[in-house]
Amino acid sequence: MKIQAQIEALIRSNFEPLYFEVLNESYMHNVPEGSESHFKVVLVTDKFEGKRSVARHQQVYGALSEVMDSIHALALHTYTPEEYEQAQSAPASPNCMGGSKHDQH
C-alpha cells in the first residue's frame, strides 16, 4: 500500500474525522518524481476538543507511528470543527527553499 493511502487509512480509523485531506507535496521538493516523502495533513475532528496544538500533533504522530519512518516531512493542520469553520481552510505550504545534505555551506 502506498504511504499516502496508509496515512489516510490510519487517520480515518483513529480520528473519525469530520473532514481531512492528505496532500502529497513531494513534487514541490528536490526528490525523485513519484516520491512520497513530504505530506500535508488537514484534520478536523471532535477528538481535538480541549487539546492544545502540541497534544494534537502528538496524537497524530502516535497514530501514524508505523509510517513515520517513511516520511521526511509532515505538515499538520489540526482543527476542531468550530476552529475550521472560522478558518475556512488551512494555510498554503511555503515553496521549497531548495538545498540538500549535499549542498556546501
PDB file of N, CA and C in Angstrom:
ATOM      1  N   MET A   1       0.845  -1.185   0.000  1.00  0.00           N
ATOM      2  CA  MET A   1       0.000   0.000   0.000  1.00  0.00           C
ATOM      3  C   MET A   1       0.886   1.242   0.000  1.00  0.00           C
ATOM      4  N   LYS A   2       0.536   2.214  -0.788  1.00  0.00           N
ATOM      5  CA  LYS A   2       1.306   3.448  -0.846  1.00  0.00           C
ATOM      6  C   LYS A   2       1.208   4.200   0.479  1.00  0.00           C
ATOM      7  N   ILE A   3       2.215   5.018   0.746  1.00  0.00           N
ATOM      8  CA  ILE A   3       2.283   5.744   2.016  1.00  0.00           C
ATOM      9  C   ILE A   3       1.078   6.655   2.200  1.00  0.00           C
ATOM     10  N   GLN A   4       0.694   7.392   1.166  1.00  0.00           N
ATOM     11  CA  GLN A   4      -0.455   8.290   1.293  1.00  0.00           C
ATOM     12  C   GLN A   4      -1.714   7.509   1.675  1.00  0.00           C
ATOM     13  N   ALA A   5      -1.935   6.380   1.058  1.00  0.00           N
ATOM     14  CA  ALA A   5      -3.103   5.556   1.372  1.00  0.00           C
ATOM     15  C   ALA A   5      -3.042   5.044   2.816  1.00  0.00           C
ATOM     16  N   GLN A   6      -1.848   4.707   3.293  1.00  0.00           N
ATOM     17  CA  GLN A   6      -1.695   4.271   4.685  1.00  0.00           C
ATOM     18  C   GLN A   6      -2.028   5.413   5.641  1.00  0.00           C
ATOM     19  N   ILE A   7      -1.532   6.608   5.341  1.00  0.00           N
ATOM     20  CA  ILE A   7      -1.824   7.772   6.184  1.00  0.00           C
ATOM     21  C   ILE A   7      -3.330   7.997   6.240  1.00  0.00           C
ATOM     22  N   GLU A   8      -3.984   7.966   5.084  1.00  0.00           N
ATOM     23  CA  GLU A   8      -5.432   8.195   5.032  1.00  0.00           C
ATOM     24  C   GLU A   8      -6.187   7.146   5.848  1.00  0.00           C
ATOM     25  N   ALA A   9      -5.811   5.879   5.729  1.00  0.00           N
ATOM     26  CA  ALA A   9      -6.480   4.811   6.472  1.00  0.00           C
ATOM     27  C   ALA A   9      -6.279   4.971   7.976  1.00  0.00           C
ATOM     28  N   LEU A  10      -5.073   5.324   8.383  1.00  0.00           N
ATOM     29  CA  LEU A  10      -4.793   5.492   9.812  1.00  0.00           C
ATOM     30  C   LEU A  10      -5.546   6.683  10.386  1.00  0.00           C
ATOM     31  N   ILE A  11      -5.653   7.743   9.632  1.00  0.00           N
ATOM     32  CA  ILE A  11      -6.411   8.912  10.109  1.00  0.00           C
ATOM     33  C   ILE A  11      -7.886   8.559  10.247  1.00  0.00           C
ATOM     34  N   ARG A  12      -8.428   7.911   9.226  1.00  0.00           N
ATOM     35  CA  ARG A  12      -9.849   7.511   9.287  1.00  0.00           C
ATOM     36  C   ARG A  12     -10.133   6.648  10.522  1.00  0.00           C
ATOM     37  N   SER A  13      -9.284   5.662  10.761  1.00  0.00           N
ATOM     38  CA  SER A  13      -9.551   4.716  11.844  1.00  0.00           C
ATOM     39  C   SER A  13      -9.256   5.272  13.235  1.00  0.00           C
ATOM     40  N   ASN A  14      -8.382   6.255  13.338  1.00  0.00           N
ATOM     41  CA  ASN A  14      -8.010   6.777  14.660  1.00  0.00           C
ATOM     42  C   ASN A  14      -8.747   8.045  15.067  1.00  0.00           C
ATOM     43  N   PHE A  15      -9.267   8.787  14.112  1.00  0.00           N
ATOM     44  CA  PHE A  15      -9.812  10.100  14.453  1.00  0.00           C
ATOM     45  C   PHE A  15     -11.278  10.326  14.109  1.00  0.00           C
ATOM     46  N   GLU A  16     -11.906   9.436  13.374  1.00  0.00           N
ATOM     47  CA  GLU A  16     -13.289   9.650  12.963  1.00  0.00           C
ATOM     48  C   GLU A  16     -13.459  11.091  12.479  1.00  0.00           C
ATOM     49  N   PRO A  17     -12.690  11.490  11.478  1.00  0.00           N
ATOM     50  CA  PRO A  17     -12.663  12.897  11.077  1.00  0.00           C
ATOM     51  C   PRO A  17     -13.977  13.368  10.451  1.00  0.00           C
ATOM     52  N   LEU A  18     -14.288  14.618  10.726  1.00  0.00           N
ATOM     53  CA  LEU A  18     -15.413  15.269  10.062  1.00  0.00           C
ATOM     54  C   LEU A  18     -14.953  15.733   8.681  1.00  0.00           C
ATOM     55  N   TYR A  19     -13.668  16.029   8.595  1.00  0.00           N
ATOM     56  CA  TYR A  19     -13.042  16.401   7.328  1.00  0.00           C
ATOM     57  C   TYR A  19     -11.557  16.112   7.466  1.00  0.00           C
ATOM     58  N   PHE A  20     -10.949  15.612   6.409  1.00  0.00           N
ATOM     59  CA  PHE A  20      -9.496  15.506   6.380  1.00  0.00           C
ATOM     60  C   PHE A  20      -9.035  15.472   4.939  1.00  0.00           C
ATOM     61  N   GLU A  21      -7.788  15.863   4.788  1.00  0.00           N
ATOM     62  CA  GLU A  21      -7.162  15.917   3.473  1.00  0.00           C
ATOM     63  C   GLU A  21      -5.699  15.557   3.664  1.00  0.00           C
ATOM     64  N   VAL A  22      -5.207  14.666   2.844  1.00  0.00           N
ATOM     65  CA  VAL A  22      -3.794  14.300   2.865  1.00  0.00           C
ATOM     66  C   VAL A  22      -3.239  14.651   1.490  1.00  0.00           C
ATOM     67  N   LEU A  23      -2.320  15.596   1.471  1.00  0.00           N
ATOM     68  CA  LEU A  23      -1.727  16.047   0.215  1.00  0.00           C
ATOM     69  C   LEU A  23      -0.271  15.621   0.149  1.00  0.00           C
ATOM     70  N   ASN A  24       0.090  14.960  -0.941  1.00  0.00           N
ATOM     71  CA  ASN A  24       1.479  14.599  -1.176  1.00  0.00           C
ATOM     72  C   ASN A  24       2.140  15.805  -1.832  1.00  0.00           C
ATOM     73  N   GLU A  25       2.965  16.509  -1.084  1.00  0.00           N
ATOM     74  CA  GLU A  25       3.628  17.708  -1.587  1.00  0.00           C
ATOM     75  C   GLU A  25       5.077  17.439  -1.992  1.00  0.00           C
ATOM     76  N   SER A  26       5.410  16.193  -2.174  1.00  0.00           N
ATOM     77  CA  SER A  26       6.779  15.819  -2.533  1.00  0.00           C
ATOM     78  C   SER A  26       7.232  16.483  -3.828  1.00  0.00           C
ATOM     79  N   TYR A  27       6.316  16.645  -4.769  1.00  0.00           N
ATOM     80  CA  TYR A  27       6.660  17.255  -6.062  1.00  0.00           C
ATOM     81  C   TYR A  27       7.206  18.673  -5.901  1.00  0.00           C
ATOM     82  N   MET A  28       6.944  19.302  -4.761  1.00  0.00           N
ATOM     83  CA  MET A  28       7.410  20.668  -4.511  1.00  0.00           C
ATOM     84  C   MET A  28       8.853  20.694  -4.004  1.00  0.00           C
ATOM     85  N   HIS A  29       9.463  19.542  -3.878  1.00  0.00           N
ATOM     86  CA  HIS A  29      10.790  19.440  -3.275  1.00  0.00           C
ATOM     87  C   HIS A  29      11.752  18.720  -4.209  1.00  0.00           C
ATOM     88  N   ASN A  30      12.996  18.756  -3.838  1.00  0.00           N
ATOM     89  CA  ASN A  30      14.055  18.175  -4.651  1.00  0.00           C
ATOM     90  C   ASN A  30      14.156  16.672  -4.371  1.00  0.00           C
ATOM     91  N   VAL A  31      13.146  15.947  -4.869  1.00  0.00           N
ATOM     92  CA  VAL A  31      13.103  14.496  -4.693  1.00  0.00           C
ATOM     93  C   VAL A  31      12.750  13.858  -6.035  1.00  0.00           C
ATOM     94  N   PRO A  32      13.004  12.579  -6.196  1.00  0.00           N
ATOM     95  CA  PRO A  32      12.656  11.919  -7.465  1.00  0.00           C
ATOM     96  C   PRO A  32      11.149  11.972  -7.736  1.00  0.00           C
ATOM     97  N   GLU A  33      10.793  12.005  -9.004  1.00  0.00           N
ATOM     98  CA  GLU A  33       9.392  12.019  -9.403  1.00  0.00           C
ATOM     99  C   GLU A  33       8.677  10.799  -8.828  1.00  0.00           C
ATOM    100  N   GLY A  34       7.471  11.016  -8.348  1.00  0.00           N
ATOM    101  CA  GLY A  34       6.682   9.933  -7.771  1.00  0.00           C
ATOM    102  C   GLY A  34       6.972   9.651  -6.308  1.00  0.00           C
ATOM    103  N   SER A  35       7.830  10.455  -5.694  1.00  0.00           N
ATOM    104  CA  SER A  35       8.179  10.243  -4.286  1.00  0.00           C
ATOM    105  C   SER A  35       6.982  10.481  -3.375  1.00  0.00           C
ATOM    106  N   GLU A  36       7.000   9.832  -2.240  1.00  0.00           N
ATOM    107  CA  GLU A  36       6.025  10.044  -1.182  1.00  0.00           C
ATOM    108  C   GLU A  36       6.810  10.318   0.096  1.00  0.00           C
ATOM    109  N   SER A  37       7.305  11.542   0.196  1.00  0.00           N
ATOM    110  CA  SER A  37       8.167  11.884   1.325  1.00  0.00           C
ATOM    111  C   SER A  37       7.716  13.124   2.084  1.00  0.00           C
ATOM    112  N   HIS A  38       6.967  13.998   1.451  1.00  0.00           N
ATOM    113  CA  HIS A  38       6.529  15.258   2.051  1.00  0.00           C
ATOM    114  C   HIS A  38       5.003  15.327   1.993  1.00  0.00           C
ATOM    115  N   PHE A  39       4.377  15.415   3.160  1.00  0.00           N
ATOM    116  CA  PHE A  39       2.912  15.417   3.209  1.00  0.00           C
ATOM    117  C   PHE A  39       2.379  16.579   4.022  1.00  0.00           C
ATOM    118  N   LYS A  40       1.198  17.006   3.639  1.00  0.00           N
ATOM    119  CA  LYS A  40       0.433  17.998   4.389  1.00  0.00           C
ATOM    120  C   LYS A  40      -0.877  17.327   4.769  1.00  0.00           C
ATOM    121  N   VAL A  41      -1.214  17.388   6.056  1.00  0.00           N
ATOM    122  CA  VAL A  41      -2.448  16.795   6.549  1.00  0.00           C
ATOM    123  C   VAL A  41      -3.294  17.895   7.178  1.00  0.00           C
ATOM    124  N   VAL A  42      -4.521  17.993   6.712  1.00  0.00           N
ATOM    125  CA  VAL A  42      -5.522  18.870   7.318  1.00  0.00           C
ATOM    126  C   VAL A  42      -6.529  17.935   7.972  1.00  0.00           C
ATOM    127  N   LEU A  43      -6.743  18.094   9.264  1.00  0.00           N
ATOM    128  CA  LEU A  43      -7.578  17.154  10.006  1.00  0.00           C
ATOM    129  C   LEU A  43      -8.525  17.906  10.930  1.00  0.00           C
ATOM    130  N   VAL A  44      -9.813  17.644  10.758  1.00  0.00           N
ATOM    131  CA  VAL A  44     -10.851  18.257  11.583  1.00  0.00           C
ATOM    132  C   VAL A  44     -11.587  17.136  12.310  1.00  0.00           C
ATOM    133  N   THR A  45     -11.548  17.185  13.629  1.00  0.00           N
ATOM    134  CA  THR A  45     -12.198  16.137  14.421  1.00  0.00           C
ATOM    135  C   THR A  45     -12.590  16.671  15.795  1.00  0.00           C
ATOM    136  N   ASP A  46     -13.650  16.095  16.328  1.00  0.00           N
ATOM    137  CA  ASP A  46     -14.084  16.421  17.692  1.00  0.00           C
ATOM    138  C   ASP A  46     -13.057  15.959  18.715  1.00  0.00           C
ATOM    139  N   LYS A  47     -12.211  15.023  18.338  1.00  0.00           N
ATOM    140  CA  LYS A  47     -11.225  14.471  19.281  1.00  0.00           C
ATOM    141  C   LYS A  47     -10.165  15.495  19.694  1.00  0.00           C
ATOM    142  N   PHE A  48     -10.126  16.646  19.022  1.00  0.00           N
ATOM    143  CA  PHE A  48      -9.167  17.687  19.389  1.00  0.00           C
ATOM    144  C   PHE A  48      -9.744  18.711  20.376  1.00  0.00           C
ATOM    145  N   GLU A  49     -11.013  18.561  20.723  1.00  0.00           N
ATOM    146  CA  GLU A  49     -11.635  19.491  21.669  1.00  0.00           C
ATOM    147  C   GLU A  49     -10.842  19.549  22.974  1.00  0.00           C
ATOM    148  N   GLY A  50     -10.521  20.749  23.409  1.00  0.00           N
ATOM    149  CA  GLY A  50      -9.826  20.943  24.679  1.00  0.00           C
ATOM    150  C   GLY A  50      -8.337  20.628  24.649  1.00  0.00           C
ATOM    151  N   LYS A  51      -7.784  20.332  23.480  1.00  0.00           N
ATOM    152  CA  LYS A  51      -6.362  19.992  23.387  1.00  0.00           C
ATOM    153  C   LYS A  51      -5.600  21.094  22.674  1.00  0.00           C
ATOM    154  N   ARG A  52      -4.413  21.350  23.173  1.00  0.00           N
ATOM    155  CA  ARG A  52      -3.526  22.334  22.533  1.00  0.00           C
ATOM    156  C   ARG A  52      -2.873  21.711  21.309  1.00  0.00           C
ATOM    157  N   SER A  53      -2.280  22.558  20.509  1.00  0.00           N
ATOM    158  CA  SER A  53      -1.673  22.141  19.252  1.00  0.00           C
ATOM    159  C   SER A  53      -0.649  21.024  19.442  1.00  0.00           C
ATOM    160  N   VAL A  54       0.203  21.129  20.430  1.00  0.00           N
ATOM    161  CA  VAL A  54       1.245  20.121  20.648  1.00  0.00           C
ATOM    162  C   VAL A  54       0.616  18.760  20.954  1.00  0.00           C
ATOM    163  N   ALA A  55      -0.401  18.731  21.788  1.00  0.00           N
ATOM    164  CA  ALA A  55      -1.068  17.474  22.129  1.00  0.00           C
ATOM    165  C   ALA A  55      -1.751  16.870  20.902  1.00  0.00           C
ATOM    166  N   ARG A  56      -2.333  17.720  20.070  1.00  0.00           N
ATOM    167  CA  ARG A  56      -2.967  17.241  18.841  1.00  0.00           C
ATOM    168  C   ARG A  56      -1.932  16.601  17.919  1.00  0.00           C
ATOM    169  N   HIS A  57      -0.802  17.290  17.765  1.00  0.00           N
ATOM    170  CA  HIS A  57       0.248  16.771  16.886  1.00  0.00           C
ATOM    171  C   HIS A  57       0.799  15.459  17.429  1.00  0.00           C
ATOM    172  N   GLN A  58       0.965  15.372  18.725  1.00  0.00           N
ATOM    173  CA  GLN A  58       1.441  14.126  19.327  1.00  0.00           C
ATOM    174  C   GLN A  58       0.462  12.994  19.059  1.00  0.00           C
ATOM    175  N   GLN A  59      -0.818  13.300  19.111  1.00  0.00           N
ATOM    176  CA  GLN A  59      -1.846  12.306  18.824  1.00  0.00           C
ATOM    177  C   GLN A  59      -1.720  11.800  17.385  1.00  0.00           C
ATOM    178  N   VAL A  60      -1.519  12.722  16.452  1.00  0.00           N
ATOM    179  CA  VAL A  60      -1.389  12.341  15.044  1.00  0.00           C
ATOM    180  C   VAL A  60      -0.108  11.535  14.830  1.00  0.00           C
ATOM    181  N   TYR A  61       1.015  12.002  15.391  1.00  0.00           N
ATOM    182  CA  TYR A  61       2.267  11.252  15.251  1.00  0.00           C
ATOM    183  C   TYR A  61       2.120   9.834  15.797  1.00  0.00           C
ATOM    184  N   GLY A  62       1.438   9.707  16.927  1.00  0.00           N
ATOM    185  CA  GLY A  62       1.220   8.379  17.505  1.00  0.00           C
ATOM    186  C   GLY A  62       0.400   7.489  16.584  1.00  0.00           C
ATOM    187  N   ALA A  63      -0.643   8.054  16.007  1.00  0.00           N
ATOM    188  CA  ALA A  63      -1.498   7.284  15.103  1.00  0.00           C
ATOM    189  C   ALA A  63      -0.757   6.864  13.835  1.00  0.00           C
ATOM    190  N   LEU A  64       0.182   7.699  13.413  1.00  0.00           N
ATOM    191  CA  LEU A  64       0.929   7.430  12.181  1.00  0.00           C
ATOM    192  C   LEU A  64       2.283   6.763  12.444  1.00  0.00           C
ATOM    193  N   SER A  65       2.508   6.287  13.646  1.00  0.00           N
ATOM    194  CA  SER A  65       3.828   5.772  14.032  1.00  0.00           C
ATOM    195  C   SER A  65       4.374   4.714  13.073  1.00  0.00           C
ATOM    196  N   GLU A  66       3.509   3.877  12.522  1.00  0.00           N
ATOM    197  CA  GLU A  66       4.005   2.803  11.653  1.00  0.00           C
ATOM    198  C   GLU A  66       4.495   3.301  10.296  1.00  0.00           C
ATOM    199  N   VAL A  67       4.157   4.539   9.925  1.00  0.00           N
ATOM    200  CA  VAL A  67       4.632   5.067   8.633  1.00  0.00           C
ATOM    201  C   VAL A  67       5.605   6.242   8.793  1.00  0.00           C
ATOM    202  N   MET A  68       5.817   6.692  10.008  1.00  0.00           N
ATOM    203  CA  MET A  68       6.644   7.894  10.213  1.00  0.00           C
ATOM    204  C   MET A  68       8.073   7.714   9.714  1.00  0.00           C
ATOM    205  N   ASP A  69       8.623   6.521   9.763  1.00  0.00           N
ATOM    206  CA  ASP A  69       9.984   6.295   9.269  1.00  0.00           C
ATOM    207  C   ASP A  69      10.087   6.489   7.760  1.00  0.00           C
ATOM    208  N   SER A  70       8.966   6.436   7.065  1.00  0.00           N
ATOM    209  CA  SER A  70       8.945   6.589   5.607  1.00  0.00           C
ATOM    210  C   SER A  70       8.691   8.021   5.161  1.00  0.00           C
ATOM    211  N   ILE A  71       8.440   8.905   6.127  1.00  0.00           N
ATOM    212  CA  ILE A  71       8.076  10.286   5.812  1.00  0.00           C
ATOM    213  C   ILE A  71       9.219  11.219   6.181  1.00  0.00           C
ATOM    214  N   HIS A  72       9.581  12.099   5.264  1.00  0.00           N
ATOM    215  CA  HIS A  72      10.628  13.080   5.541  1.00  0.00           C
ATOM    216  C   HIS A  72      10.047  14.316   6.219  1.00  0.00           C
ATOM    217  N   ALA A  73       8.885  14.793   5.743  1.00  0.00           N
ATOM    218  CA  ALA A  73       8.275  15.996   6.296  1.00  0.00           C
ATOM    219  C   ALA A  73       6.766  15.813   6.376  1.00  0.00           C
ATOM    220  N   LEU A  74       6.197  16.289   7.486  1.00  0.00           N
ATOM    221  CA  LEU A  74       4.763  16.185   7.708  1.00  0.00           C
ATOM    222  C   LEU A  74       4.261  17.502   8.271  1.00  0.00           C
ATOM    223  N   ALA A  75       3.501  18.232   7.478  1.00  0.00           N
ATOM    224  CA  ALA A  75       2.892  19.483   7.930  1.00  0.00           C
ATOM    225  C   ALA A  75       1.499  19.151   8.446  1.00  0.00           C
ATOM    226  N   LEU A  76       1.232  19.474   9.703  1.00  0.00           N
ATOM    227  CA  LEU A  76      -0.055  19.164  10.311  1.00  0.00           C
ATOM    228  C   LEU A  76      -0.852  20.436  10.559  1.00  0.00           C
ATOM    229  N   HIS A  77      -2.098  20.401  10.141  1.00  0.00           N
ATOM    230  CA  HIS A  77      -3.046  21.491  10.403  1.00  0.00           C
ATOM    231  C   HIS A  77      -4.247  20.831  11.063  1.00  0.00           C
ATOM    232  N   THR A  78      -4.327  20.956  12.387  1.00  0.00           N
ATOM    233  CA  THR A  78      -5.315  20.226  13.176  1.00  0.00           C
ATOM    234  C   THR A  78      -6.344  21.198  13.745  1.00  0.00           C
ATOM    235  N   TYR A  79      -7.609  20.860  13.579  1.00  0.00           N
ATOM    236  CA  TYR A  79      -8.689  21.762  13.967  1.00  0.00           C
ATOM    237  C   TYR A  79      -9.824  21.019  14.657  1.00  0.00           C
ATOM    238  N   THR A  80     -10.505  21.721  15.552  1.00  0.00           N
ATOM    239  CA  THR A  80     -11.822  21.290  15.992  1.00  0.00           C
ATOM    240  C   THR A  80     -12.794  21.770  14.916  1.00  0.00           C
ATOM    241  N   PRO A  81     -14.006  21.245  14.888  1.00  0.00           N
ATOM    242  CA  PRO A  81     -14.963  21.712  13.878  1.00  0.00           C
ATOM    243  C   PRO A  81     -15.191  23.228  13.928  1.00  0.00           C
ATOM    244  N   GLU A  82     -15.303  23.772  15.118  1.00  0.00           N
ATOM    245  CA  GLU A  82     -15.529  25.215  15.271  1.00  0.00           C
ATOM    246  C   GLU A  82     -14.335  26.022  14.741  1.00  0.00           C
ATOM    247  N   GLU A  83     -13.126  25.580  15.049  1.00  0.00           N
ATOM    248  CA  GLU A  83     -11.929  26.274  14.556  1.00  0.00           C
ATOM    249  C   GLU A  83     -11.861  26.256  13.033  1.00  0.00           C
ATOM    250  N   TYR A  84     -12.192  25.106  12.457  1.00  0.00           N
ATOM    251  CA  TYR A  84     -12.115  25.006  10.995  1.00  0.00           C
ATOM    252  C   TYR A  84     -13.190  25.846  10.325  1.00  0.00           C
ATOM    253  N   GLU A  85     -14.343  25.927  10.947  1.00  0.00           N
ATOM    254  CA  GLU A  85     -15.413  26.762  10.409  1.00  0.00           C
ATOM    255  C   GLU A  85     -14.962  28.218  10.344  1.00  0.00           C
ATOM    256  N   GLN A  86     -14.226  28.650  11.349  1.00  0.00           N
ATOM    257  CA  GLN A  86     -13.713  30.030  11.374  1.00  0.00           C
ATOM    258  C   GLN A  86     -12.568  30.214  10.388  1.00  0.00           C
ATOM    259  N   ALA A  87     -11.696  29.218  10.271  1.00  0.00           N
ATOM    260  CA  ALA A  87     -10.518  29.329   9.404  1.00  0.00           C
ATOM    261  C   ALA A  87     -10.890  29.162   7.933  1.00  0.00           C
ATOM    262  N   GLN A  88     -11.860  28.330   7.640  1.00  0.00           N
ATOM    263  CA  GLN A  88     -12.320  28.021   6.287  1.00  0.00           C
ATOM    264  C   GLN A  88     -11.339  27.185   5.474  1.00  0.00           C
ATOM    265  N   SER A  89     -10.062  27.243   5.762  1.00  0.00           N
ATOM    266  CA  SER A  89      -9.075  26.425   5.060  1.00  0.00           C
ATOM    267  C   SER A  89      -7.754  26.472   5.805  1.00  0.00           C
ATOM    268  N   ALA A  90      -6.892  25.545   5.481  1.00  0.00           N
ATOM    269  CA  ALA A  90      -5.549  25.509   6.069  1.00  0.00           C
ATOM    270  C   ALA A  90      -4.637  26.430   5.271  1.00  0.00           C
ATOM    271  N   PRO A  91      -3.594  26.951   5.899  1.00  0.00           N
ATOM    272  CA  PRO A  91      -2.659  27.809   5.151  1.00  0.00           C
ATOM    273  C   PRO A  91      -1.944  27.048   4.046  1.00  0.00           C
ATOM    274  N   ALA A  92      -1.577  27.767   3.019  1.00  0.00           N
ATOM    275  CA  ALA A  92      -0.818  27.177   1.911  1.00  0.00           C
ATOM    276  C   ALA A  92       0.585  26.830   2.394  1.00  0.00           C
ATOM    277  N   SER A  93       1.140  25.797   1.823  1.00  0.00           N
ATOM    278  CA  SER A  93       2.510  25.407   2.157  1.00  0.00           C
ATOM    279  C   SER A  93       3.486  26.352   1.475  1.00  0.00           C
ATOM    280  N   PRO A  94       4.596  26.659   2.146  1.00  0.00           N
ATOM    281  CA  PRO A  94       5.595  27.527   1.520  1.00  0.00           C
ATOM    282  C   PRO A  94       6.318  26.807   0.390  1.00  0.00           C
ATOM    283  N   ASN A  95       6.877  27.563  -0.495  1.00  0.00           N
ATOM    284  CA  ASN A  95       7.694  26.983  -1.554  1.00  0.00           C
ATOM    285  C   ASN A  95       8.955  26.397  -0.954  1.00  0.00           C
ATOM    286  N   CYS A  96       9.434  25.340  -1.553  1.00  0.00           N
ATOM    287  CA  CYS A  96      10.675  24.715  -1.116  1.00  0.00           C
ATOM    288  C   CYS A  96      11.824  25.704  -1.327  1.00  0.00           C
ATOM    289  N   MET A  97      12.688  25.794  -0.353  1.00  0.00           N
ATOM    290  CA  MET A  97      13.839  26.692  -0.446  1.00  0.00           C
ATOM    291  C   MET A  97      15.027  25.994  -1.096  1.00  0.00           C
ATOM    292  N   GLY A  98      14.815  24.761  -1.535  1.00  0.00           N
ATOM    293  CA  GLY A  98      15.902  24.011  -2.157  1.00  0.00           C
ATOM    294  C   GLY A  98      16.862  23.481  -1.124  1.00  0.00           C
ATOM    295  N   GLY A  99      17.986  23.084  -1.607  1.00  0.00           N
ATOM    296  CA  GLY A  99      19.012  22.598  -0.680  1.00  0.00           C
ATOM    297  C   GLY A  99      18.896  21.111  -0.421  1.00  0.00           C
ATOM    298  N   SER A 100      19.982  20.576  -0.002  1.00  0.00           N
ATOM    299  CA  SER A 100      20.043  19.163   0.356  1.00  0.00           C
ATOM    300  C   SER A 100      21.268  18.949   1.219  1.00  0.00           C
ATOM    301  N   LYS A 101      21.433  17.744   1.695  1.00  0.00           N
ATOM    302  CA  LYS A 101      22.593  17.407   2.508  1.00  0.00           C
ATOM    303  C   LYS A 101      23.880  17.574   1.728  1.00  0.00           C
ATOM    304  N   HIS A 102      23.768  17.531   0.405  1.00  0.00           N
ATOM    305  CA  HIS A 102      24.961  17.582  -0.442  1.00  0.00           C
ATOM    306  C   HIS A 102      25.414  19.003  -0.767  1.00  0.00           C
ATOM    307  N   ASP A 103      24.586  19.994  -0.415  1.00  0.00           N
ATOM    308  CA  ASP A 103      24.965  21.386  -0.684  1.00  0.00           C
ATOM    309  C   ASP A 103      26.111  21.769   0.232  1.00  0.00           C
ATOM    310  N   GLN A 104      27.003  22.572  -0.302  1.00  0.00           N
ATOM    311  CA  GLN A 104      28.101  23.063   0.543  1.00  0.00           C
ATOM    312  C   GLN A 104      27.668  24.373   1.165  1.00  0.00           C
ATOM    313  N   HIS A 105      28.090  24.586   2.379  1.00  0.00           N
ATOM    314  CA  HIS A 105      27.710  25.806   3.126  1.00  0.00           C
ATOM    315  C   HIS A 105      28.862  26.777   3.147  1.00  0.00           C
TER     316      HIS A 105
END
